[in-house]
């Protein structure tokens, strides 16, 4: 039976949010032939990322395209890249790492998007489009008069 955990409440506005990264991981040939040693390598990886200010928050063994999925927190993209490269340099895994945005970040990002019709450049583009339409219609009339 799966472990049931209580989910922590959402972070308060005063708390400083640390960026979250999702690493999609595959074992290399080297890594899978010594898979029994992978739990020890995971602990070593946890230690290896600390100097970069990163922390491996959770790791999942998965079925499908990826062997593992890791949830990592790091102070910035540079620290995350250093952490990922430090782990990959062991030759046991390859990974694809994604910057993940929490729900509050997602809402802020989407909330800041200005609808295209309201964007200042939209009116200029629309004016150019209208001029092109008029020019094409005029050209079409001129060609019809020739025939």
Protein backbone atom coordinates (compact mmCIF):
# COMPACT_ATOMS: atom_id res chain seq x y z
CA UNK A 1 0.00 0.00 0.00
CA UNK A 2 1.42 3.43 -0.92
CA UNK A 3 2.56 5.75 1.82
CA UNK A 4 0.10 8.56 2.52
CA UNK A 5 1.66 11.91 3.27
CA UNK A 6 0.10 15.17 4.29
CA UNK A 7 0.76 17.90 1.79
CA UNK A 8 2.33 21.01 3.25
CA UNK A 9 0.29 24.19 2.90
CA UNK A 10 1.18 26.58 0.09
CA UNK A 11 4.13 28.86 0.78
CA UNK A 12 3.33 32.24 2.21
CA UNK A 13 4.07 35.35 0.19
CA UNK A 14 6.85 36.30 2.62
CA UNK A 15 8.79 33.08 2.03
CA UNK A 16 11.50 33.14 -0.60
CA UNK A 17 10.72 30.52 -3.22
CA UNK A 18 13.57 28.32 -4.41
CA UNK A 19 13.29 27.30 -8.06
CA UNK A 20 12.21 23.71 -8.67
CA UNK A 21 13.58 21.45 -11.39
CA UNK A 22 12.32 18.11 -12.66
CA UNK A 23 15.02 15.76 -13.94
CA UNK A 24 13.96 12.93 -16.25
CA UNK A 25 16.69 10.34 -15.84
CA UNK A 26 17.78 7.23 -17.72
CA UNK A 27 20.43 4.75 -16.67
CA UNK A 28 23.34 4.42 -19.08
CA UNK A 29 24.64 0.95 -19.94
CA UNK A 30 27.19 1.43 -17.15
CA UNK A 31 24.48 2.50 -14.71
CA UNK A 32 22.05 -0.31 -15.45
CA UNK A 33 24.68 -3.05 -15.27
CA UNK A 34 25.41 -1.93 -11.71
CA UNK A 35 21.84 -0.93 -10.81
CA UNK A 36 22.10 -2.63 -7.39
CA UNK A 37 24.56 0.10 -6.45
CA UNK A 38 22.21 2.91 -7.53
CA UNK A 39 20.75 3.58 -4.05
CA UNK A 40 24.27 4.31 -2.79
CA UNK A 41 24.89 6.47 -5.87
CA UNK A 42 21.69 8.38 -5.09
CA UNK A 43 23.00 9.20 -1.62
CA UNK A 44 26.32 10.27 -3.17
CA UNK A 45 24.40 12.46 -5.65
CA UNK A 46 22.54 14.13 -2.78
CA UNK A 47 25.91 15.07 -1.30
CA UNK A 48 27.39 16.08 -4.66
CA UNK A 49 24.73 18.73 -5.34
CA UNK A 50 24.94 20.41 -1.92
CA UNK A 51 28.00 22.57 -2.74
CA UNK A 52 25.92 24.19 -5.50
CA UNK A 53 23.12 25.03 -3.07
CA UNK A 54 20.90 22.36 -4.61
CA UNK A 55 18.87 19.67 -2.91
CA UNK A 56 17.35 16.50 -4.32
CA UNK A 57 13.89 16.66 -2.74
CA UNK A 58 12.42 13.42 -4.08
CA UNK A 59 13.22 10.60 -6.49
CA UNK A 60 10.81 8.20 -8.18
CA UNK A 61 11.57 4.95 -9.99
CA UNK A 62 9.29 5.06 -13.02
CA UNK A 63 7.98 2.80 -15.73
CA UNK A 64 8.01 3.99 -19.32
CA UNK A 65 10.37 6.26 -21.19
CA UNK A 66 12.41 7.32 -18.14
CA UNK A 67 13.94 5.18 -15.40
CA UNK A 68 13.83 7.81 -12.66
CA UNK A 69 12.29 11.22 -12.05
CA UNK A 70 13.92 13.56 -9.54
CA UNK A 71 12.54 16.73 -8.00
CA UNK A 72 15.40 19.12 -7.30
CA UNK A 73 15.55 22.59 -5.79
CA UNK A 74 18.41 24.93 -6.65
CA UNK A 75 18.97 28.66 -6.19
CA UNK A 76 19.13 29.34 -9.94
CA UNK A 77 19.58 27.77 -13.38
CA UNK A 78 23.38 27.91 -13.15
CA UNK A 79 23.41 26.00 -9.86
CA UNK A 80 20.96 23.46 -11.29
CA UNK A 81 23.16 22.96 -14.36
CA UNK A 82 26.23 22.43 -12.17
CA UNK A 83 24.35 19.91 -10.04
CA UNK A 84 23.08 17.97 -13.06
CA UNK A 85 26.51 17.90 -14.68
CA UNK A 86 28.16 16.79 -11.44
CA UNK A 87 25.80 13.81 -11.28
CA UNK A 88 26.03 13.00 -15.00
CA UNK A 89 29.82 13.09 -14.93
CA UNK A 90 29.75 9.76 -13.07
CA UNK A 91 28.62 8.13 -16.31
CA UNK A 92 25.75 6.17 -14.74
CA UNK A 93 22.84 8.33 -15.91
CA UNK A 94 21.75 10.75 -18.58
CA UNK A 95 19.09 13.32 -17.88
CA UNK A 96 16.81 15.97 -19.25
CA UNK A 97 16.11 18.69 -16.72
CA UNK A 98 13.11 20.99 -16.82
CA UNK A 99 12.52 24.19 -14.88
CA UNK A 100 9.21 23.71 -13.09
CA UNK A 101 7.03 26.58 -11.93
CA UNK A 102 4.84 26.18 -8.84
CA UNK A 103 1.15 27.01 -9.11
CA UNK A 104 1.59 30.50 -7.65
CA UNK A 105 4.40 31.22 -10.14
CA UNK A 106 2.28 29.82 -12.99
CA UNK A 107 -0.62 32.08 -12.01
CA UNK A 108 1.69 35.13 -11.89
CA UNK A 109 3.15 34.30 -15.31
CA UNK A 110 -0.20 33.74 -16.97
CA UNK A 111 -1.70 36.76 -15.22
CA UNK A 112 1.00 39.01 -16.70
CA UNK A 113 0.22 38.01 -20.27
CA UNK A 114 -1.47 40.78 -22.18
CA UNK A 115 -4.07 39.60 -24.71
CA UNK A 116 -2.72 40.02 -28.24
CA UNK A 117 -5.56 42.36 -29.24
CA UNK A 118 -4.55 44.73 -26.41
CA UNK A 119 -0.82 44.69 -27.15
CA UNK A 120 0.47 48.00 -28.62
CA UNK A 121 2.12 46.21 -31.54
CA UNK A 122 -1.15 44.53 -32.49
CA UNK A 123 -2.64 47.76 -33.88
CA UNK A 124 0.44 48.35 -36.03
CA UNK A 125 0.42 44.78 -37.36
CA UNK A 126 -3.30 45.01 -38.05
CA UNK A 127 -2.79 48.28 -39.99
CA UNK A 128 -0.09 46.67 -42.14
CA UNK A 129 -2.30 43.63 -42.71
CA UNK A 130 -5.19 45.84 -43.79
CA UNK A 131 -2.92 47.76 -46.22
CA UNK A 132 -1.76 44.44 -47.72
CA UNK A 133 -5.34 43.29 -48.17
CA UNK A 134 -6.24 46.57 -49.87
CA UNK A 135 -3.16 46.37 -52.13
CA UNK A 136 -3.98 42.80 -53.12
CA UNK A 137 -7.60 43.73 -53.87
CA UNK A 138 -6.41 46.67 -55.99
CA UNK A 139 -3.97 44.42 -57.85
CA UNK A 140 -6.71 41.87 -58.46
CA UNK A 141 -9.04 44.58 -59.88
CA UNK A 142 -6.24 45.84 -62.15
CA UNK A 143 -5.58 42.32 -63.45
CA UNK A 144 -9.29 41.77 -64.11
CA UNK A 145 -9.48 45.06 -66.08
CA UNK A 146 -6.61 43.85 -68.31
CA UNK A 147 -8.51 40.71 -69.31
